[in-house]
Amino acid sequence: MSETPIVLDVWCELQCPDCRSALTDLRALRDRYGDRLEVRLRHFPLEKHKHAFAAAQATEEAVAQGQGWPYVEAVLGRVEELDRRGQPFLLDIARELGLDAEEFDTALIDGRHILIVDADQAEGKAIGVSGTPTYVIGGERLDGGKSQEGLRERIEEIADRLLAEDGS
């Protein structure tokens, strides 16, 4: 019998330095919980970052090509380069990961992933997300946009409680 994993939604944008620092926590959480925790990236591009919306669409193309998290980590790891170079940088990361960069380019032109990004952003606004990163687990919203201090511990407390209730 396979247990349903606990879901951790991470409202994020790829031009956000705070989201880059959150990667360490996300890696630690994935290491600790493995398959028992499903970390879902949710898009929340902020208007102050002019390449964030394109980066969100590019991420969805990376997901479609089977490399969502590696793409997210690669872009966030070089957030200053995204600031500087914009869309050509997004295509370069796709090439570095061995993805089909032509398909990325086409996806950014034809807007095939815009609805996913818009839906995430609308849902985020509806539940009170105002900055990134913001986490939602077990119905609790944790805002990491101001400070990430203690957030991983809080997520672990909630996850442990939910897993205990589930009997995992």
N, C-alpha and C. Protein backbone atom coordinates (compact mmCIF):
# COMPACT_ATOMS: atom_id res chain seq x y z
N MET A 1 0.86 -1.19 0.00
CA MET A 1 0.00 0.00 0.00
C MET A 1 0.89 1.24 0.00
N SER A 2 0.70 2.07 -1.01
CA SER A 2 1.55 3.28 -1.07
C SER A 2 0.84 4.43 -0.37
N GLU A 3 1.60 5.11 0.47
CA GLU A 3 1.02 6.21 1.21
C GLU A 3 1.04 7.47 0.38
N THR A 4 0.05 8.29 0.57
CA THR A 4 0.00 9.56 -0.13
C THR A 4 0.99 10.51 0.54
N PRO A 5 1.87 11.11 -0.27
CA PRO A 5 2.83 12.02 0.36
C PRO A 5 2.16 13.30 0.86
N ILE A 6 2.81 13.92 1.82
CA ILE A 6 2.38 15.24 2.29
C ILE A 6 2.81 16.23 1.22
N VAL A 7 1.98 17.22 0.96
CA VAL A 7 2.30 18.21 -0.07
C VAL A 7 2.82 19.49 0.57
N LEU A 8 3.96 19.94 0.08
CA LEU A 8 4.50 21.24 0.47
C LEU A 8 4.51 22.10 -0.79
N ASP A 9 3.61 23.09 -0.83
CA ASP A 9 3.61 24.03 -1.95
C ASP A 9 4.59 25.15 -1.65
N VAL A 10 5.43 25.45 -2.62
CA VAL A 10 6.42 26.51 -2.48
C VAL A 10 6.13 27.57 -3.53
N TRP A 11 5.63 28.72 -3.08
CA TRP A 11 5.35 29.83 -4.00
C TRP A 11 6.67 30.56 -4.19
N CYS A 12 7.12 30.61 -5.43
CA CYS A 12 8.50 31.00 -5.69
C CYS A 12 8.56 31.78 -6.99
N GLU A 13 9.62 32.52 -7.15
CA GLU A 13 9.92 33.11 -8.46
C GLU A 13 11.42 33.08 -8.66
N LEU A 14 11.82 32.88 -9.91
CA LEU A 14 13.22 32.54 -10.18
C LEU A 14 14.15 33.73 -10.26
N GLN A 15 13.64 34.93 -10.07
CA GLN A 15 14.52 36.09 -10.05
C GLN A 15 14.65 36.62 -8.62
N CYS A 16 14.29 35.78 -7.65
CA CYS A 16 14.22 36.20 -6.26
C CYS A 16 15.39 35.61 -5.46
N PRO A 17 16.30 36.46 -4.96
CA PRO A 17 17.43 35.95 -4.17
C PRO A 17 16.99 35.18 -2.92
N ASP A 18 15.85 35.56 -2.32
CA ASP A 18 15.37 34.82 -1.14
C ASP A 18 14.98 33.40 -1.51
N CYS A 19 14.47 33.21 -2.72
CA CYS A 19 14.12 31.86 -3.16
C CYS A 19 15.38 31.03 -3.36
N ARG A 20 16.46 31.69 -3.80
CA ARG A 20 17.72 30.97 -3.94
C ARG A 20 18.17 30.46 -2.56
N SER A 21 18.10 31.30 -1.53
CA SER A 21 18.54 30.83 -0.22
C SER A 21 17.61 29.75 0.32
N ALA A 22 16.37 29.71 -0.15
CA ALA A 22 15.43 28.67 0.30
C ALA A 22 15.80 27.29 -0.26
N LEU A 23 16.60 27.25 -1.32
CA LEU A 23 16.97 25.96 -1.92
C LEU A 23 17.63 25.02 -0.92
N THR A 24 18.47 25.58 -0.04
CA THR A 24 19.16 24.76 0.95
C THR A 24 18.13 24.06 1.84
N ASP A 25 17.11 24.80 2.27
CA ASP A 25 16.06 24.20 3.10
C ASP A 25 15.29 23.15 2.31
N LEU A 26 14.98 23.44 1.06
CA LEU A 26 14.19 22.49 0.25
C LEU A 26 14.97 21.20 0.02
N ARG A 27 16.28 21.34 -0.23
CA ARG A 27 17.12 20.13 -0.40
C ARG A 27 17.12 19.31 0.89
N ALA A 28 17.28 19.99 2.03
CA ALA A 28 17.30 19.29 3.32
C ALA A 28 15.96 18.59 3.58
N LEU A 29 14.87 19.24 3.25
CA LEU A 29 13.54 18.64 3.45
C LEU A 29 13.36 17.42 2.55
N ARG A 30 13.81 17.54 1.28
CA ARG A 30 13.70 16.40 0.37
C ARG A 30 14.57 15.24 0.85
N ASP A 31 15.76 15.55 1.36
CA ASP A 31 16.65 14.50 1.88
C ASP A 31 16.02 13.81 3.08
N ARG A 32 15.43 14.61 3.97
CA ARG A 32 14.88 14.05 5.20
C ARG A 32 13.63 13.20 4.96
N TYR A 33 12.75 13.66 4.07
CA TYR A 33 11.45 13.00 3.91
C TYR A 33 11.34 12.12 2.66
N GLY A 34 12.21 12.34 1.70
CA GLY A 34 12.15 11.53 0.48
C GLY A 34 10.77 11.56 -0.16
N ASP A 35 10.25 10.37 -0.46
CA ASP A 35 8.95 10.25 -1.15
C ASP A 35 7.77 10.61 -0.26
N ARG A 36 8.00 10.77 1.03
CA ARG A 36 6.87 11.08 1.93
C ARG A 36 6.46 12.55 1.83
N LEU A 37 7.29 13.36 1.17
CA LEU A 37 7.00 14.78 1.02
C LEU A 37 7.06 15.14 -0.47
N GLU A 38 5.97 15.65 -0.98
CA GLU A 38 5.95 16.12 -2.37
C GLU A 38 6.11 17.64 -2.35
N VAL A 39 7.27 18.11 -2.86
CA VAL A 39 7.52 19.54 -2.93
C VAL A 39 7.03 20.03 -4.29
N ARG A 40 6.03 20.89 -4.27
CA ARG A 40 5.46 21.40 -5.52
C ARG A 40 5.83 22.87 -5.69
N LEU A 41 6.47 23.16 -6.79
CA LEU A 41 6.80 24.54 -7.11
C LEU A 41 5.57 25.24 -7.65
N ARG A 42 5.22 26.37 -7.06
CA ARG A 42 4.10 27.17 -7.53
C ARG A 42 4.66 28.53 -7.93
N HIS A 43 4.16 29.06 -9.03
CA HIS A 43 4.73 30.29 -9.57
C HIS A 43 4.09 31.53 -8.97
N PHE A 44 4.95 32.48 -8.61
CA PHE A 44 4.46 33.77 -8.12
C PHE A 44 5.41 34.86 -8.59
N PRO A 45 5.46 35.08 -9.94
CA PRO A 45 6.38 36.10 -10.45
C PRO A 45 5.98 37.49 -9.95
N LEU A 46 6.95 38.22 -9.43
CA LEU A 46 6.70 39.56 -8.90
C LEU A 46 6.94 40.59 -9.99
N GLU A 47 6.10 41.60 -10.02
CA GLU A 47 6.20 42.62 -11.09
C GLU A 47 7.54 43.35 -11.09
N LYS A 48 8.17 43.45 -9.91
CA LYS A 48 9.43 44.20 -9.85
C LYS A 48 10.57 43.47 -10.56
N HIS A 49 10.38 42.20 -10.88
CA HIS A 49 11.41 41.42 -11.58
C HIS A 49 10.96 41.16 -13.01
N LYS A 50 11.59 41.84 -13.95
CA LYS A 50 11.06 41.82 -15.33
C LYS A 50 11.21 40.49 -16.04
N HIS A 51 12.09 39.60 -15.58
CA HIS A 51 12.26 38.31 -16.27
C HIS A 51 11.57 37.16 -15.54
N ALA A 52 10.91 37.45 -14.42
CA ALA A 52 10.33 36.39 -13.59
C ALA A 52 9.20 35.64 -14.31
N PHE A 53 8.39 36.35 -15.09
CA PHE A 53 7.26 35.70 -15.76
C PHE A 53 7.78 34.76 -16.84
N ALA A 54 8.77 35.19 -17.61
CA ALA A 54 9.38 34.32 -18.63
C ALA A 54 10.05 33.12 -17.97
N ALA A 55 10.71 33.36 -16.84
CA ALA A 55 11.39 32.27 -16.13
C ALA A 55 10.38 31.24 -15.63
N ALA A 56 9.22 31.70 -15.19
CA ALA A 56 8.18 30.77 -14.73
C ALA A 56 7.70 29.91 -15.90
N GLN A 57 7.51 30.53 -17.06
CA GLN A 57 7.10 29.77 -18.25
C GLN A 57 8.19 28.78 -18.66
N ALA A 58 9.44 29.23 -18.61
CA ALA A 58 10.55 28.36 -18.97
C ALA A 58 10.62 27.16 -18.01
N THR A 59 10.33 27.40 -16.74
CA THR A 59 10.32 26.31 -15.77
C THR A 59 9.29 25.26 -16.14
N GLU A 60 8.12 25.71 -16.56
CA GLU A 60 7.07 24.76 -16.96
C GLU A 60 7.51 23.96 -18.19
N GLU A 61 8.26 24.58 -19.09
CA GLU A 61 8.78 23.84 -20.24
C GLU A 61 9.81 22.81 -19.76
N ALA A 62 10.63 23.17 -18.76
CA ALA A 62 11.58 22.22 -18.19
C ALA A 62 10.85 21.04 -17.54
N VAL A 63 9.73 21.33 -16.87
CA VAL A 63 8.91 20.27 -16.27
C VAL A 63 8.40 19.35 -17.39
N ALA A 64 7.92 19.95 -18.48
CA ALA A 64 7.41 19.17 -19.61
C ALA A 64 8.50 18.28 -20.20
N GLN A 65 9.76 18.75 -20.12
CA GLN A 65 10.88 17.97 -20.64
C GLN A 65 11.54 17.10 -19.55
N GLY A 66 10.92 17.04 -18.36
CA GLY A 66 11.38 16.12 -17.33
C GLY A 66 12.52 16.62 -16.45
N GLN A 67 12.78 17.93 -16.46
CA GLN A 67 13.91 18.46 -15.68
C GLN A 67 13.50 19.69 -14.86
N GLY A 68 12.31 19.66 -14.27
CA GLY A 68 11.82 20.83 -13.54
C GLY A 68 12.74 21.33 -12.44
N TRP A 69 13.00 20.47 -11.43
CA TRP A 69 13.83 20.92 -10.30
C TRP A 69 15.26 21.24 -10.69
N PRO A 70 15.92 20.41 -11.52
CA PRO A 70 17.28 20.79 -11.93
C PRO A 70 17.32 22.17 -12.60
N TYR A 71 16.28 22.47 -13.38
CA TYR A 71 16.21 23.77 -14.05
C TYR A 71 16.06 24.89 -13.03
N VAL A 72 15.12 24.71 -12.10
CA VAL A 72 14.88 25.71 -11.06
C VAL A 72 16.17 25.99 -10.28
N GLU A 73 16.86 24.91 -9.88
CA GLU A 73 18.09 25.07 -9.09
C GLU A 73 19.17 25.78 -9.90
N ALA A 74 19.27 25.45 -11.19
CA ALA A 74 20.29 26.06 -12.04
C ALA A 74 20.04 27.56 -12.23
N VAL A 75 18.79 27.93 -12.45
CA VAL A 75 18.45 29.35 -12.66
C VAL A 75 18.62 30.13 -11.35
N LEU A 76 18.08 29.59 -10.26
CA LEU A 76 18.18 30.30 -8.98
C LEU A 76 19.64 30.44 -8.53
N GLY A 77 20.44 29.47 -8.88
CA GLY A 77 21.86 29.51 -8.51
C GLY A 77 22.61 30.66 -9.16
N ARG A 78 22.03 31.20 -10.24
CA ARG A 78 22.69 32.29 -10.97
C ARG A 78 21.70 33.43 -11.21
N VAL A 79 20.98 33.79 -10.15
CA VAL A 79 19.90 34.77 -10.26
C VAL A 79 20.39 36.13 -10.80
N GLU A 80 21.64 36.50 -10.48
CA GLU A 80 22.17 37.79 -10.98
C GLU A 80 22.32 37.76 -12.50
N GLU A 81 22.67 36.59 -13.02
CA GLU A 81 22.81 36.46 -14.47
C GLU A 81 21.45 36.58 -15.17
N LEU A 82 20.41 36.04 -14.53
CA LEU A 82 19.05 36.20 -15.06
C LEU A 82 18.68 37.68 -15.07
N ASP A 83 19.00 38.39 -13.99
CA ASP A 83 18.75 39.84 -13.92
C ASP A 83 19.37 40.54 -15.13
N ARG A 84 20.61 40.18 -15.41
CA ARG A 84 21.39 40.85 -16.45
C ARG A 84 20.99 40.45 -17.86
N ARG A 85 20.80 39.13 -18.08
CA ARG A 85 20.69 38.62 -19.45
C ARG A 85 19.28 38.26 -19.89
N GLY A 86 18.40 37.99 -18.94
CA GLY A 86 17.02 37.68 -19.31
C GLY A 86 16.85 36.39 -20.09
N GLN A 87 16.02 36.47 -21.14
CA GLN A 87 15.62 35.27 -21.87
C GLN A 87 16.77 34.45 -22.47
N PRO A 88 17.81 35.08 -23.05
CA PRO A 88 18.92 34.26 -23.57
C PRO A 88 19.55 33.37 -22.48
N PHE A 89 19.59 33.88 -21.25
CA PHE A 89 20.11 33.09 -20.14
C PHE A 89 19.23 31.87 -19.88
N LEU A 90 17.90 32.04 -19.94
CA LEU A 90 16.97 30.93 -19.72
C LEU A 90 17.21 29.81 -20.74
N LEU A 91 17.49 30.21 -21.98
CA LEU A 91 17.77 29.22 -23.04
C LEU A 91 19.12 28.56 -22.83
N ASP A 92 20.11 29.33 -22.36
CA ASP A 92 21.43 28.77 -22.09
C ASP A 92 21.36 27.68 -21.01
N ILE A 93 20.58 27.94 -19.96
CA ILE A 93 20.43 26.95 -18.88
C ILE A 93 19.80 25.67 -19.45
N ALA A 94 18.80 25.83 -20.32
CA ALA A 94 18.18 24.66 -20.95
C ALA A 94 19.23 23.84 -21.70
N ARG A 95 20.08 24.54 -22.47
CA ARG A 95 21.14 23.85 -23.22
C ARG A 95 22.11 23.14 -22.28
N GLU A 96 22.50 23.83 -21.20
CA GLU A 96 23.44 23.24 -20.24
C GLU A 96 22.90 21.95 -19.64
N LEU A 97 21.58 21.88 -19.47
CA LEU A 97 20.96 20.68 -18.89
C LEU A 97 20.62 19.64 -19.95
N GLY A 98 20.98 19.92 -21.20
CA GLY A 98 20.72 18.97 -22.28
C GLY A 98 19.26 18.95 -22.72
N LEU A 99 18.55 20.03 -22.45
CA LEU A 99 17.15 20.12 -22.86
C LEU A 99 17.06 20.72 -24.26
N ASP A 100 15.89 20.65 -24.85
CA ASP A 100 15.66 21.18 -26.19
C ASP A 100 15.41 22.69 -26.11
N ALA A 101 16.49 23.47 -26.30
CA ALA A 101 16.40 24.93 -26.14
C ALA A 101 15.50 25.56 -27.20
N GLU A 102 15.46 24.95 -28.39
CA GLU A 102 14.56 25.48 -29.45
C GLU A 102 13.12 25.41 -28.97
N GLU A 103 12.79 24.30 -28.30
CA GLU A 103 11.43 24.12 -27.80
C GLU A 103 11.14 25.13 -26.68
N PHE A 104 12.15 25.45 -25.87
CA PHE A 104 11.99 26.50 -24.85
C PHE A 104 11.67 27.82 -25.52
N ASP A 105 12.44 28.16 -26.55
CA ASP A 105 12.24 29.41 -27.27
C ASP A 105 10.82 29.47 -27.82
N THR A 106 10.39 28.40 -28.46
CA THR A 106 9.04 28.33 -29.03
C THR A 106 7.98 28.47 -27.94
N ALA A 107 8.21 27.79 -26.80
CA ALA A 107 7.24 27.85 -25.69
C ALA A 107 7.10 29.27 -25.16
N LEU A 108 8.21 30.00 -25.11
CA LEU A 108 8.17 31.39 -24.62
C LEU A 108 7.47 32.29 -25.63
N ILE A 109 7.58 31.95 -26.91
CA ILE A 109 6.93 32.76 -27.95
C ILE A 109 5.44 32.44 -28.02
N ASP A 110 5.10 31.13 -28.01
CA ASP A 110 3.67 30.79 -28.18
C ASP A 110 2.87 30.84 -26.88
N GLY A 111 3.57 30.99 -25.75
CA GLY A 111 2.86 31.19 -24.48
C GLY A 111 2.09 29.98 -23.99
N ARG A 112 2.53 28.77 -24.36
CA ARG A 112 1.77 27.56 -24.02
C ARG A 112 1.66 27.32 -22.51
N HIS A 113 2.54 27.92 -21.72
CA HIS A 113 2.52 27.66 -20.27
C HIS A 113 1.96 28.83 -19.46
N ILE A 114 1.52 29.88 -20.14
CA ILE A 114 1.04 31.09 -19.43
C ILE A 114 -0.12 30.77 -18.50
N LEU A 115 -1.03 29.90 -18.93
CA LEU A 115 -2.21 29.61 -18.10
C LEU A 115 -1.82 28.98 -16.75
N ILE A 116 -0.81 28.11 -16.77
CA ILE A 116 -0.35 27.48 -15.52
C ILE A 116 0.20 28.55 -14.58
N VAL A 117 1.05 29.42 -15.13
CA VAL A 117 1.66 30.49 -14.33
C VAL A 117 0.59 31.42 -13.78
N ASP A 118 -0.34 31.82 -14.65
CA ASP A 118 -1.43 32.72 -14.21
C ASP A 118 -2.30 32.07 -13.13
N ALA A 119 -2.59 30.78 -13.30
CA ALA A 119 -3.44 30.08 -12.32
C ALA A 119 -2.74 30.00 -10.97
N ASP A 120 -1.43 29.69 -10.98
CA ASP A 120 -0.67 29.65 -9.73
C ASP A 120 -0.70 31.01 -9.05
N GLN A 121 -0.45 32.05 -9.84
CA GLN A 121 -0.39 33.40 -9.27
C GLN A 121 -1.75 33.80 -8.68
N ALA A 122 -2.82 33.48 -9.40
CA ALA A 122 -4.17 33.81 -8.92
C ALA A 122 -4.48 33.06 -7.62
N GLU A 123 -4.12 31.77 -7.57
CA GLU A 123 -4.36 31.00 -6.35
C GLU A 123 -3.53 31.55 -5.20
N GLY A 124 -2.28 31.91 -5.49
CA GLY A 124 -1.41 32.50 -4.47
C GLY A 124 -2.02 33.76 -3.89
N LYS A 125 -2.48 34.65 -4.78
CA LYS A 125 -3.10 35.90 -4.30
C LYS A 125 -4.34 35.60 -3.47
N ALA A 126 -5.11 34.60 -3.89
CA ALA A 126 -6.36 34.26 -3.19
C ALA A 126 -6.09 33.76 -1.77
N ILE A 127 -4.94 33.10 -1.55
CA ILE A 127 -4.66 32.59 -0.20
C ILE A 127 -3.75 33.53 0.60
N GLY A 128 -3.44 34.70 0.03
CA GLY A 128 -2.70 35.71 0.78
C GLY A 128 -1.20 35.72 0.57
N VAL A 129 -0.71 35.03 -0.47
CA VAL A 129 0.72 35.11 -0.76
C VAL A 129 1.01 36.53 -1.23
N SER A 130 2.04 37.14 -0.64
CA SER A 130 2.38 38.50 -1.07
C SER A 130 3.85 38.61 -1.48
N GLY A 131 4.64 37.63 -1.09
CA GLY A 131 6.05 37.64 -1.45
C GLY A 131 6.58 36.22 -1.56
N THR A 132 7.81 36.11 -2.01
CA THR A 132 8.38 34.78 -2.17
C THR A 132 9.67 34.67 -1.37
N PRO A 133 10.00 33.47 -0.89
CA PRO A 133 9.19 32.25 -0.96
C PRO A 133 8.10 32.24 0.11
N THR A 134 6.98 31.62 -0.22
CA THR A 134 5.92 31.36 0.75
C THR A 134 5.62 29.87 0.67
N TYR A 135 5.49 29.24 1.82
CA TYR A 135 5.24 27.80 1.88
C TYR A 135 3.82 27.56 2.39
N VAL A 136 3.18 26.52 1.86
CA VAL A 136 1.89 26.08 2.40
C VAL A 136 1.98 24.58 2.62
N ILE A 137 1.76 24.18 3.87
CA ILE A 137 1.78 22.75 4.22
C ILE A 137 0.71 22.53 5.27
N GLY A 138 -0.09 21.49 5.07
CA GLY A 138 -1.14 21.16 6.04
C GLY A 138 -2.08 22.32 6.30
N GLY A 139 -2.33 23.12 5.27
CA GLY A 139 -3.24 24.25 5.41
C GLY A 139 -2.64 25.47 6.09
N GLU A 140 -1.36 25.40 6.46
CA GLU A 140 -0.71 26.56 7.10
C GLU A 140 0.18 27.29 6.11
N ARG A 141 0.08 28.60 6.10
CA ARG A 141 0.92 29.42 5.23
C ARG A 141 2.10 29.99 6.03
N LEU A 142 3.30 29.80 5.52
CA LEU A 142 4.50 30.30 6.17
C LEU A 142 5.21 31.24 5.20
N ASP A 143 5.37 32.48 5.58
CA ASP A 143 5.92 33.51 4.71
C ASP A 143 7.42 33.63 4.89
N GLY A 144 8.17 33.27 3.85
CA GLY A 144 9.62 33.36 3.92
C GLY A 144 10.17 34.60 3.25
N GLY A 145 9.28 35.47 2.75
CA GLY A 145 9.73 36.66 2.04
C GLY A 145 10.44 37.67 2.94
N LYS A 146 10.03 37.71 4.22
CA LYS A 146 10.67 38.66 5.14
C LYS A 146 11.86 38.01 5.84
N SER A 147 11.65 36.79 6.35
CA SER A 147 12.75 36.07 7.00
C SER A 147 12.49 34.59 6.89
N GLN A 148 13.56 33.84 6.63
CA GLN A 148 13.42 32.39 6.54
C GLN A 148 13.86 31.70 7.84
N GLU A 149 14.18 32.53 8.80
CA GLU A 149 14.62 32.05 10.11
C GLU A 149 13.59 31.09 10.71
N GLY A 150 14.00 29.87 10.99
CA GLY A 150 13.12 28.92 11.67
C GLY A 150 12.05 28.28 10.81
N LEU A 151 11.99 28.63 9.53
CA LEU A 151 10.91 28.11 8.70
C LEU A 151 11.06 26.61 8.45
N ARG A 152 12.29 26.16 8.19
CA ARG A 152 12.47 24.73 7.92
C ARG A 152 12.03 23.91 9.13
N GLU A 153 12.39 24.37 10.32
CA GLU A 153 12.00 23.67 11.53
C GLU A 153 10.47 23.61 11.66
N ARG A 154 9.83 24.73 11.33
CA ARG A 154 8.37 24.80 11.41
C ARG A 154 7.73 23.83 10.40
N ILE A 155 8.29 23.79 9.18
CA ILE A 155 7.78 22.87 8.16
C ILE A 155 7.96 21.42 8.64
N GLU A 156 9.13 21.14 9.25
CA GLU A 156 9.39 19.79 9.76
C GLU A 156 8.40 19.41 10.87
N GLU A 157 8.11 20.36 11.75
CA GLU A 157 7.14 20.09 12.83
C GLU A 157 5.78 19.70 12.23
N ILE A 158 5.34 20.49 11.25
CA ILE A 158 4.03 20.23 10.63
C ILE A 158 4.06 18.89 9.89
N ALA A 159 5.14 18.66 9.11
CA ALA A 159 5.25 17.41 8.35
C ALA A 159 5.26 16.21 9.29
N ASP A 160 6.04 16.30 10.38
CA ASP A 160 6.10 15.19 11.33
C ASP A 160 4.73 14.91 11.94
N ARG A 161 4.01 15.98 12.27
CA ARG A 161 2.67 15.82 12.84
C ARG A 161 1.73 15.15 11.83
N LEU A 162 1.77 15.61 10.58
CA LEU A 162 0.89 15.07 9.55
C LEU A 162 1.23 13.60 9.28
N LEU A 163 2.52 13.29 9.27
CA LEU A 163 2.94 11.89 9.03
C LEU A 163 2.51 11.00 10.18
N ALA A 164 2.57 11.52 11.40
CA ALA A 164 2.16 10.75 12.58
C ALA A 164 0.65 10.48 12.53
N GLU A 165 -0.10 11.51 12.12
CA GLU A 165 -1.56 11.35 12.02
C GLU A 165 -1.91 10.33 10.95
N ASP A 166 -1.07 10.30 9.89
CA ASP A 166 -1.30 9.41 8.76
C ASP A 166 -0.84 7.98 9.08
N GLY A 167 -0.07 7.86 10.16
CA GLY A 167 0.45 6.55 10.54
C GLY A 167 1.67 6.12 9.73
N SER A 168 2.33 7.08 9.10
CA SER A 168 3.51 6.76 8.28
C SER A 168 4.74 6.62 9.13
